[in-house]
Amino acid sequence: MKQSYVYILKCSDNSYYTGITSNLTKRIEEHKTGKHNNSYTYTRRPLSLVYYAEFTDINLAIQTEKQIKKWSRVKKEALISGDFEKLPNLAKKNFDK
């Protein structure tokens, strides 16, 4: 079975980028070298890989990537730091600001 990866990069502006790939090493290198000059990460380099998860089911990987992209910064940081018990109680977005 082919592996897929969902990953989170921390950008130089402290934002997070969530992506999906079948070749994590190659894709991270593309982000770091700025291969795609119209991408979100291009002007936010340098970047660091702060989280990744492996999947054998591409559909589950796609679903997970879409889910994480909707999460608040706080919820993403809980995932990154491994505070899994906090995830269910963190709101998707804070609309009170």
PDB file of N, CA and C in Angstrom:
ATOM      1  N   MET A   1       0.835  -1.195   0.000  1.00  0.00           N
ATOM      2  CA  MET A   1       0.000   0.000   0.000  1.00  0.00           C
ATOM      3  C   MET A   1       0.870   1.245   0.000  1.00  0.00           C
ATOM      4  N   LYS A   2       0.434   2.237  -0.716  1.00  0.00           N
ATOM      5  CA  LYS A   2       1.169   3.485  -0.803  1.00  0.00           C
ATOM      6  C   LYS A   2       0.896   4.351   0.423  1.00  0.00           C
ATOM      7  N   GLN A   3       1.956   4.917   0.968  1.00  0.00           N
ATOM      8  CA  GLN A   3       1.845   5.794   2.129  1.00  0.00           C
ATOM      9  C   GLN A   3       1.463   7.206   1.687  1.00  0.00           C
ATOM     10  N   SER A   4       0.669   7.853   2.496  1.00  0.00           N
ATOM     11  CA  SER A   4       0.353   9.268   2.330  1.00  0.00           C
ATOM     12  C   SER A   4       0.649   9.940   3.659  1.00  0.00           C
ATOM     13  N   TYR A   5       0.927  11.222   3.597  1.00  0.00           N
ATOM     14  CA  TYR A   5       1.279  11.973   4.794  1.00  0.00           C
ATOM     15  C   TYR A   5       0.480  13.277   4.842  1.00  0.00           C
ATOM     16  N   VAL A   6      -0.028  13.586   6.014  1.00  0.00           N
ATOM     17  CA  VAL A   6      -0.583  14.901   6.296  1.00  0.00           C
ATOM     18  C   VAL A   6       0.452  15.575   7.181  1.00  0.00           C
ATOM     19  N   TYR A   7       0.798  16.805   6.845  1.00  0.00           N
ATOM     20  CA  TYR A   7       1.866  17.476   7.574  1.00  0.00           C
ATOM     21  C   TYR A   7       1.495  18.918   7.896  1.00  0.00           C
ATOM     22  N   ILE A   8       2.158  19.449   8.908  1.00  0.00           N
ATOM     23  CA  ILE A   8       1.987  20.852   9.281  1.00  0.00           C
ATOM     24  C   ILE A   8       3.360  21.492   9.326  1.00  0.00           C
ATOM     25  N   LEU A   9       3.483  22.620   8.645  1.00  0.00           N
ATOM     26  CA  LEU A   9       4.704  23.412   8.667  1.00  0.00           C
ATOM     27  C   LEU A   9       4.459  24.677   9.475  1.00  0.00           C
ATOM     28  N   LYS A  10       5.446  25.078  10.234  1.00  0.00           N
ATOM     29  CA  LYS A  10       5.397  26.383  10.891  1.00  0.00           C
ATOM     30  C   LYS A  10       6.214  27.333  10.030  1.00  0.00           C
ATOM     31  N   CYS A  11       5.584  28.441   9.662  1.00  0.00           N
ATOM     32  CA  CYS A  11       6.207  29.407   8.773  1.00  0.00           C
ATOM     33  C   CYS A  11       6.923  30.500   9.564  1.00  0.00           C
ATOM     34  N   SER A  12       7.760  31.267   8.871  1.00  0.00           N
ATOM     35  CA  SER A  12       8.539  32.317   9.531  1.00  0.00           C
ATOM     36  C   SER A  12       7.654  33.399  10.137  1.00  0.00           C
ATOM     37  N   ASP A  13       6.426  33.560   9.651  1.00  0.00           N
ATOM     38  CA  ASP A  13       5.501  34.549  10.224  1.00  0.00           C
ATOM     39  C   ASP A  13       4.658  33.931  11.346  1.00  0.00           C
ATOM     40  N   ASN A  14       5.031  32.726  11.793  1.00  0.00           N
ATOM     41  CA  ASN A  14       4.365  31.976  12.858  1.00  0.00           C
ATOM     42  C   ASN A  14       2.997  31.422  12.467  1.00  0.00           C
ATOM     43  N   SER A  15       2.661  31.467  11.197  1.00  0.00           N
ATOM     44  CA  SER A  15       1.426  30.822  10.739  1.00  0.00           C
ATOM     45  C   SER A  15       1.723  29.344  10.492  1.00  0.00           C
ATOM     46  N   TYR A  16       0.661  28.568  10.325  1.00  0.00           N
ATOM     47  CA  TYR A  16       0.794  27.142  10.053  1.00  0.00           C
ATOM     48  C   TYR A  16       0.242  26.841   8.674  1.00  0.00           C
ATOM     49  N   TYR A  17       0.913  25.927   7.986  1.00  0.00           N
ATOM     50  CA  TYR A  17       0.453  25.445   6.694  1.00  0.00           C
ATOM     51  C   TYR A  17       0.236  23.938   6.813  1.00  0.00           C
ATOM     52  N   THR A  18      -0.917  23.469   6.408  1.00  0.00           N
ATOM     53  CA  THR A  18      -1.241  22.043   6.440  1.00  0.00           C
ATOM     54  C   THR A  18      -1.317  21.528   5.009  1.00  0.00           C
ATOM     55  N   GLY A  19      -0.652  20.410   4.755  1.00  0.00           N
ATOM     56  CA  GLY A  19      -0.649  19.840   3.417  1.00  0.00           C
ATOM     57  C   GLY A  19      -0.702  18.332   3.443  1.00  0.00           C
ATOM     58  N   ILE A  20      -0.734  17.762   2.250  1.00  0.00           N
ATOM     59  CA  ILE A  20      -0.789  16.316   2.071  1.00  0.00           C
ATOM     60  C   ILE A  20       0.159  15.943   0.939  1.00  0.00           C
ATOM     61  N   THR A  21       0.803  14.789   1.065  1.00  0.00           N
ATOM     62  CA  THR A  21       1.740  14.349   0.040  1.00  0.00           C
ATOM     63  C   THR A  21       1.940  12.844   0.136  1.00  0.00           C
ATOM     64  N   SER A  22       2.475  12.264  -0.926  1.00  0.00           N
ATOM     65  CA  SER A  22       2.861  10.854  -0.889  1.00  0.00           C
ATOM     66  C   SER A  22       4.368  10.702  -0.686  1.00  0.00           C
ATOM     67  N   ASN A  23       5.103  11.814  -0.755  1.00  0.00           N
ATOM     68  CA  ASN A  23       6.552  11.789  -0.545  1.00  0.00           C
ATOM     69  C   ASN A  23       6.916  12.966   0.360  1.00  0.00           C
ATOM     70  N   LEU A  24       6.940  12.719   1.645  1.00  0.00           N
ATOM     71  CA  LEU A  24       7.129  13.792   2.624  1.00  0.00           C
ATOM     72  C   LEU A  24       8.476  14.490   2.464  1.00  0.00           C
ATOM     73  N   THR A  25       9.531  13.751   2.337  1.00  0.00           N
ATOM     74  CA  THR A  25      10.869  14.346   2.223  1.00  0.00           C
ATOM     75  C   THR A  25      10.959  15.279   1.020  1.00  0.00           C
ATOM     76  N   LYS A  26      10.493  14.805  -0.121  1.00  0.00           N
ATOM     77  CA  LYS A  26      10.537  15.608  -1.352  1.00  0.00           C
ATOM     78  C   LYS A  26       9.666  16.859  -1.215  1.00  0.00           C
ATOM     79  N   ARG A  27       8.483  16.708  -0.666  1.00  0.00           N
ATOM     80  CA  ARG A  27       7.558  17.844  -0.569  1.00  0.00           C
ATOM     81  C   ARG A  27       8.079  18.908   0.384  1.00  0.00           C
ATOM     82  N   ILE A  28       8.663  18.500   1.506  1.00  0.00           N
ATOM     83  CA  ILE A  28       9.213  19.476   2.455  1.00  0.00           C
ATOM     84  C   ILE A  28      10.365  20.230   1.795  1.00  0.00           C
ATOM     85  N   GLU A  29      11.199  19.518   1.061  1.00  0.00           N
ATOM     86  CA  GLU A  29      12.316  20.160   0.353  1.00  0.00           C
ATOM     87  C   GLU A  29      11.783  21.171  -0.667  1.00  0.00           C
ATOM     88  N   GLU A  30      10.707  20.827  -1.361  1.00  0.00           N
ATOM     89  CA  GLU A  30      10.106  21.767  -2.320  1.00  0.00           C
ATOM     90  C   GLU A  30       9.621  23.028  -1.611  1.00  0.00           C
ATOM     91  N   HIS A  31       9.002  22.871  -0.454  1.00  0.00           N
ATOM     92  CA  HIS A  31       8.567  24.042   0.313  1.00  0.00           C
ATOM     93  C   HIS A  31       9.776  24.888   0.717  1.00  0.00           C
ATOM     94  N   LYS A  32      10.789  24.242   1.254  1.00  0.00           N
ATOM     95  CA  LYS A  32      11.952  24.968   1.787  1.00  0.00           C
ATOM     96  C   LYS A  32      12.743  25.695   0.709  1.00  0.00           C
ATOM     97  N   THR A  33      12.807  25.123  -0.489  1.00  0.00           N
ATOM     98  CA  THR A  33      13.561  25.757  -1.574  1.00  0.00           C
ATOM     99  C   THR A  33      12.706  26.715  -2.398  1.00  0.00           C
ATOM    100  N   GLY A  34      11.415  26.750  -2.143  1.00  0.00           N
ATOM    101  CA  GLY A  34      10.529  27.666  -2.863  1.00  0.00           C
ATOM    102  C   GLY A  34      10.257  27.242  -4.293  1.00  0.00           C
ATOM    103  N   LYS A  35      10.131  25.963  -4.514  1.00  0.00           N
ATOM    104  CA  LYS A  35       9.901  25.447  -5.872  1.00  0.00           C
ATOM    105  C   LYS A  35       8.655  26.050  -6.508  1.00  0.00           C
ATOM    106  N   HIS A  36       7.602  26.249  -5.739  1.00  0.00           N
ATOM    107  CA  HIS A  36       6.348  26.791  -6.273  1.00  0.00           C
ATOM    108  C   HIS A  36       6.194  28.230  -5.782  1.00  0.00           C
ATOM    109  N   ASN A  37       6.541  29.178  -6.632  1.00  0.00           N
ATOM    110  CA  ASN A  37       6.590  30.585  -6.200  1.00  0.00           C
ATOM    111  C   ASN A  37       5.230  31.230  -5.971  1.00  0.00           C
ATOM    112  N   ASN A  38       4.155  30.539  -6.280  1.00  0.00           N
ATOM    113  CA  ASN A  38       2.820  31.084  -6.006  1.00  0.00           C
ATOM    114  C   ASN A  38       2.158  30.402  -4.804  1.00  0.00           C
ATOM    115  N   SER A  39       2.921  29.590  -4.074  1.00  0.00           N
ATOM    116  CA  SER A  39       2.352  28.861  -2.946  1.00  0.00           C
ATOM    117  C   SER A  39       2.319  29.725  -1.686  1.00  0.00           C
ATOM    118  N   TYR A  40       1.497  29.321  -0.739  1.00  0.00           N
ATOM    119  CA  TYR A  40       1.354  30.030   0.536  1.00  0.00           C
ATOM    120  C   TYR A  40       2.689  30.155   1.259  1.00  0.00           C
ATOM    121  N   THR A  41       3.489  29.116   1.207  1.00  0.00           N
ATOM    122  CA  THR A  41       4.725  29.085   1.990  1.00  0.00           C
ATOM    123  C   THR A  41       5.889  29.833   1.341  1.00  0.00           C
ATOM    124  N   TYR A  42       5.789  30.165   0.070  1.00  0.00           N
ATOM    125  CA  TYR A  42       6.919  30.746  -0.658  1.00  0.00           C
ATOM    126  C   TYR A  42       7.486  31.991   0.033  1.00  0.00           C
ATOM    127  N   THR A  43       6.628  32.909   0.408  1.00  0.00           N
ATOM    128  CA  THR A  43       7.094  34.163   1.039  1.00  0.00           C
ATOM    129  C   THR A  43       7.183  34.050   2.555  1.00  0.00           C
ATOM    130  N   ARG A  44       6.921  32.876   3.077  1.00  0.00           N
ATOM    131  CA  ARG A  44       6.925  32.674   4.530  1.00  0.00           C
ATOM    132  C   ARG A  44       8.070  31.762   4.979  1.00  0.00           C
ATOM    133  N   ARG A  45       9.076  31.625   4.144  1.00  0.00           N
ATOM    134  CA  ARG A  45      10.244  30.823   4.489  1.00  0.00           C
ATOM    135  C   ARG A  45      11.161  31.617   5.407  1.00  0.00           C
ATOM    136  N   PRO A  46      11.957  30.998   6.254  1.00  0.00           N
ATOM    137  CA  PRO A  46      12.167  29.563   6.398  1.00  0.00           C
ATOM    138  C   PRO A  46      10.997  28.875   7.098  1.00  0.00           C
ATOM    139  N   LEU A  47      10.913  27.586   6.891  1.00  0.00           N
ATOM    140  CA  LEU A  47       9.826  26.749   7.393  1.00  0.00           C
ATOM    141  C   LEU A  47      10.391  25.626   8.252  1.00  0.00           C
ATOM    142  N   SER A  48       9.555  25.126   9.152  1.00  0.00           N
ATOM    143  CA  SER A  48       9.959  23.932   9.898  1.00  0.00           C
ATOM    144  C   SER A  48       8.789  22.965   9.969  1.00  0.00           C
ATOM    145  N   LEU A  49       9.103  21.698   9.792  1.00  0.00           N
ATOM    146  CA  LEU A  49       8.101  20.646   9.905  1.00  0.00           C
ATOM    147  C   LEU A  49       7.837  20.429  11.387  1.00  0.00           C
ATOM    148  N   VAL A  50       6.577  20.632  11.813  1.00  0.00           N
ATOM    149  CA  VAL A  50       6.251  20.506  13.233  1.00  0.00           C
ATOM    150  C   VAL A  50       5.340  19.315  13.530  1.00  0.00           C
ATOM    151  N   TYR A  51       4.763  18.717  12.496  1.00  0.00           N
ATOM    152  CA  TYR A  51       3.869  17.578  12.711  1.00  0.00           C
ATOM    153  C   TYR A  51       3.682  16.831  11.397  1.00  0.00           C
ATOM    154  N   TYR A  52       3.586  15.518  11.494  1.00  0.00           N
ATOM    155  CA  TYR A  52       3.125  14.731  10.352  1.00  0.00           C
ATOM    156  C   TYR A  52       2.503  13.437  10.853  1.00  0.00           C
ATOM    157  N   ALA A  53       1.619  12.895  10.040  1.00  0.00           N
ATOM    158  CA  ALA A  53       0.973  11.614  10.328  1.00  0.00           C
ATOM    159  C   ALA A  53       0.974  10.795   9.041  1.00  0.00           C
ATOM    160  N   GLU A  54       1.177   9.495   9.175  1.00  0.00           N
ATOM    161  CA  GLU A  54       1.184   8.578   8.029  1.00  0.00           C
ATOM    162  C   GLU A  54      -0.179   7.920   7.871  1.00  0.00           C
ATOM    163  N   PHE A  55      -0.552   7.698   6.621  1.00  0.00           N
ATOM    164  CA  PHE A  55      -1.817   7.044   6.293  1.00  0.00           C
ATOM    165  C   PHE A  55      -1.588   6.031   5.193  1.00  0.00           C
ATOM    166  N   THR A  56      -2.301   4.913   5.258  1.00  0.00           N
ATOM    167  CA  THR A  56      -2.290   3.955   4.155  1.00  0.00           C
ATOM    168  C   THR A  56      -3.537   4.116   3.290  1.00  0.00           C
ATOM    169  N   ASP A  57      -4.513   4.861   3.778  1.00  0.00           N
ATOM    170  CA  ASP A  57      -5.754   5.135   3.040  1.00  0.00           C
ATOM    171  C   ASP A  57      -5.746   6.605   2.619  1.00  0.00           C
ATOM    172  N   ILE A  58      -5.576   6.871   1.335  1.00  0.00           N
ATOM    173  CA  ILE A  58      -5.493   8.247   0.832  1.00  0.00           C
ATOM    174  C   ILE A  58      -6.756   9.039   1.142  1.00  0.00           C
ATOM    175  N   ASN A  59      -7.901   8.372   1.132  1.00  0.00           N
ATOM    176  CA  ASN A  59      -9.150   9.081   1.415  1.00  0.00           C
ATOM    177  C   ASN A  59      -9.189   9.584   2.856  1.00  0.00           C
ATOM    178  N   LEU A  60      -8.684   8.798   3.771  1.00  0.00           N
ATOM    179  CA  LEU A  60      -8.610   9.220   5.162  1.00  0.00           C
ATOM    180  C   LEU A  60      -7.602  10.359   5.318  1.00  0.00           C
ATOM    181  N   ALA A  61      -6.513  10.306   4.585  1.00  0.00           N
ATOM    182  CA  ALA A  61      -5.521  11.383   4.626  1.00  0.00           C
ATOM    183  C   ALA A  61      -6.130  12.694   4.125  1.00  0.00           C
ATOM    184  N   ILE A  62      -6.845  12.638   3.034  1.00  0.00           N
ATOM    185  CA  ILE A  62      -7.488  13.838   2.477  1.00  0.00           C
ATOM    186  C   ILE A  62      -8.505  14.400   3.460  1.00  0.00           C
ATOM    187  N   GLN A  63      -9.301  13.527   4.037  1.00  0.00           N
ATOM    188  CA  GLN A  63     -10.302  13.940   5.025  1.00  0.00           C
ATOM    189  C   GLN A  63      -9.625  14.604   6.234  1.00  0.00           C
ATOM    190  N   THR A  64      -8.532  14.022   6.695  1.00  0.00           N
ATOM    191  CA  THR A  64      -7.821  14.567   7.848  1.00  0.00           C
ATOM    192  C   THR A  64      -7.218  15.925   7.538  1.00  0.00           C
ATOM    193  N   GLU A  65      -6.618  16.078   6.359  1.00  0.00           N
ATOM    194  CA  GLU A  65      -6.047  17.362   5.968  1.00  0.00           C
ATOM    195  C   GLU A  65      -7.128  18.450   5.953  1.00  0.00           C
ATOM    196  N   LYS A  66      -8.258  18.159   5.345  1.00  0.00           N
ATOM    197  CA  LYS A  66      -9.357  19.129   5.283  1.00  0.00           C
ATOM    198  C   LYS A  66      -9.846  19.493   6.679  1.00  0.00           C
ATOM    199  N   GLN A  67      -9.915  18.505   7.556  1.00  0.00           N
ATOM    200  CA  GLN A  67     -10.360  18.737   8.932  1.00  0.00           C
ATOM    201  C   GLN A  67      -9.391  19.650   9.668  1.00  0.00           C
ATOM    202  N   ILE A  68      -8.101  19.351   9.594  1.00  0.00           N
ATOM    203  CA  ILE A  68      -7.093  20.153  10.291  1.00  0.00           C
ATOM    204  C   ILE A  68      -7.076  21.583   9.772  1.00  0.00           C
ATOM    205  N   LYS A  69      -7.255  21.766   8.483  1.00  0.00           N
ATOM    206  CA  LYS A  69      -7.253  23.123   7.897  1.00  0.00           C
ATOM    207  C   LYS A  69      -8.359  23.998   8.487  1.00  0.00           C
ATOM    208  N   LYS A  70      -9.431  23.391   8.957  1.00  0.00           N
ATOM    209  CA  LYS A  70     -10.541  24.147   9.556  1.00  0.00           C
ATOM    210  C   LYS A  70     -10.313  24.465  11.025  1.00  0.00           C
ATOM    211  N   TRP A  71      -9.326  23.839  11.640  1.00  0.00           N
ATOM    212  CA  TRP A  71      -9.086  24.006  13.066  1.00  0.00           C
ATOM    213  C   TRP A  71      -8.495  25.361  13.406  1.00  0.00           C
ATOM    214  N   SER A  72      -8.755  25.788  14.626  1.00  0.00           N
ATOM    215  CA  SER A  72      -8.149  27.008  15.152  1.00  0.00           C
ATOM    216  C   SER A  72      -6.658  26.776  15.386  1.00  0.00           C
ATOM    217  N   ARG A  73      -5.932  27.853  15.541  1.00  0.00           N
ATOM    218  CA  ARG A  73      -4.506  27.784  15.847  1.00  0.00           C
ATOM    219  C   ARG A  73      -4.262  26.990  17.138  1.00  0.00           C
ATOM    220  N   VAL A  74      -5.088  27.244  18.166  1.00  0.00           N
ATOM    221  CA  VAL A  74      -4.930  26.573  19.452  1.00  0.00           C
ATOM    222  C   VAL A  74      -5.106  25.061  19.300  1.00  0.00           C
ATOM    223  N   LYS A  75      -6.064  24.664  18.508  1.00  0.00           N
ATOM    224  CA  LYS A  75      -6.313  23.238  18.317  1.00  0.00           C
ATOM    225  C   LYS A  75      -5.158  22.594  17.538  1.00  0.00           C
ATOM    226  N   LYS A  76      -4.641  23.290  16.527  1.00  0.00           N
ATOM    227  CA  LYS A  76      -3.487  22.781  15.788  1.00  0.00           C
ATOM    228  C   LYS A  76      -2.283  22.636  16.720  1.00  0.00           C
ATOM    229  N   GLU A  77      -2.079  23.603  17.598  1.00  0.00           N
ATOM    230  CA  GLU A  77      -0.951  23.543  18.518  1.00  0.00           C
ATOM    231  C   GLU A  77      -1.105  22.407  19.529  1.00  0.00           C
ATOM    232  N   ALA A  78      -2.328  22.092  19.916  1.00  0.00           N
ATOM    233  CA  ALA A  78      -2.559  20.945  20.797  1.00  0.00           C
ATOM    234  C   ALA A  78      -2.178  19.650  20.071  1.00  0.00           C
ATOM    235  N   LEU A  79      -2.536  19.531  18.803  1.00  0.00           N
ATOM    236  CA  LEU A  79      -2.161  18.368  18.006  1.00  0.00           C
ATOM    237  C   LEU A  79      -0.641  18.270  17.889  1.00  0.00           C
ATOM    238  N   ILE A  80       0.002  19.386  17.559  1.00  0.00           N
ATOM    239  CA  ILE A  80       1.450  19.422  17.386  1.00  0.00           C
ATOM    240  C   ILE A  80       2.178  19.004  18.657  1.00  0.00           C
ATOM    241  N   SER A  81       1.684  19.457  19.799  1.00  0.00           N
ATOM    242  CA  SER A  81       2.356  19.154  21.066  1.00  0.00           C
ATOM    243  C   SER A  81       1.932  17.815  21.663  1.00  0.00           C
ATOM    244  N   GLY A  82       0.997  17.123  21.001  1.00  0.00           N
ATOM    245  CA  GLY A  82       0.579  15.806  21.464  1.00  0.00           C
ATOM    246  C   GLY A  82      -0.447  15.831  22.587  1.00  0.00           C
ATOM    247  N   ASP A  83      -1.109  16.970  22.787  1.00  0.00           N
ATOM    248  CA  ASP A  83      -2.153  17.089  23.813  1.00  0.00           C
ATOM    249  C   ASP A  83      -3.491  16.615  23.245  1.00  0.00           C
ATOM    250  N   PHE A  84      -3.565  15.346  22.906  1.00  0.00           N
ATOM    251  CA  PHE A  84      -4.723  14.795  22.205  1.00  0.00           C
ATOM    252  C   PHE A  84      -6.009  14.884  23.015  1.00  0.00           C
ATOM    253  N   GLU A  85      -5.907  14.825  24.335  1.00  0.00           N
ATOM    254  CA  GLU A  85      -7.103  14.886  25.177  1.00  0.00           C
ATOM    255  C   GLU A  85      -7.781  16.255  25.093  1.00  0.00           C
ATOM    256  N   LYS A  86      -7.060  17.289  24.681  1.00  0.00           N
ATOM    257  CA  LYS A  86      -7.629  18.635  24.569  1.00  0.00           C
ATOM    258  C   LYS A  86      -8.402  18.840  23.272  1.00  0.00           C
ATOM    259  N   LEU A  87      -8.116  18.042  22.261  1.00  0.00           N
ATOM    260  CA  LEU A  87      -8.680  18.273  20.928  1.00  0.00           C
ATOM    261  C   LEU A  87     -10.206  18.336  20.885  1.00  0.00           C
ATOM    262  N   PRO A  88     -10.930  17.425  21.528  1.00  0.00           N
ATOM    263  CA  PRO A  88     -12.395  17.470  21.404  1.00  0.00           C
ATOM    264  C   PRO A  88     -13.032  18.742  21.973  1.00  0.00           C
ATOM    265  N   ASN A  89     -12.379  19.375  22.934  1.00  0.00           N
ATOM    266  CA  ASN A  89     -12.987  20.524  23.595  1.00  0.00           C
ATOM    267  C   ASN A  89     -12.577  21.874  23.013  1.00  0.00           C
ATOM    268  N   LEU A  90     -11.661  21.881  22.074  1.00  0.00           N
ATOM    269  CA  LEU A  90     -11.222  23.145  21.502  1.00  0.00           C
ATOM    270  C   LEU A  90     -12.122  23.547  20.341  1.00  0.00           C
ATOM    271  N   ALA A  91     -12.535  24.787  20.336  1.00  0.00           N
ATOM    272  CA  ALA A  91     -13.436  25.287  19.286  1.00  0.00           C
ATOM    273  C   ALA A  91     -12.727  25.341  17.949  1.00  0.00           C
ATOM    274  N   LYS A  92     -13.527  25.213  16.879  1.00  0.00           N
ATOM    275  CA  LYS A  92     -12.950  25.317  15.544  1.00  0.00           C
ATOM    276  C   LYS A  92     -12.429  26.723  15.271  1.00  0.00           C
ATOM    277  N   LYS A  93     -13.178  27.721  15.643  1.00  0.00           N
ATOM    278  CA  LYS A  93     -12.798  29.114  15.395  1.00  0.00           C
ATOM    279  C   LYS A  93     -13.291  29.975  16.555  1.00  0.00           C
ATOM    280  N   ASN A  94     -12.612  31.080  16.763  1.00  0.00           N
ATOM    281  CA  ASN A  94     -13.047  32.058  17.756  1.00  0.00           C
ATOM    282  C   ASN A  94     -13.596  33.255  16.989  1.00  0.00           C
ATOM    283  N   PHE A  95     -14.919  33.369  16.912  1.00  0.00           N
ATOM    284  CA  PHE A  95     -15.565  34.415  16.129  1.00  0.00           C
ATOM    285  C   PHE A  95     -15.857  35.666  16.944  1.00  0.00           C
ATOM    286  N   ASP A  96     -15.439  35.703  18.222  1.00  0.00           N
ATOM    287  CA  ASP A  96     -15.723  36.838  19.084  1.00  0.00           C
ATOM    288  C   ASP A  96     -14.758  37.993  18.897  1.00  0.00           C
ATOM    289  N   LYS A  97     -13.711  37.833  18.140  1.00  0.00           N
ATOM    290  CA  LYS A  97     -12.702  38.884  17.979  1.00  0.00           C
ATOM    291  C   LYS A  97     -13.169  39.968  17.057  1.00  0.00           C
TER     292      LYS A  97
END
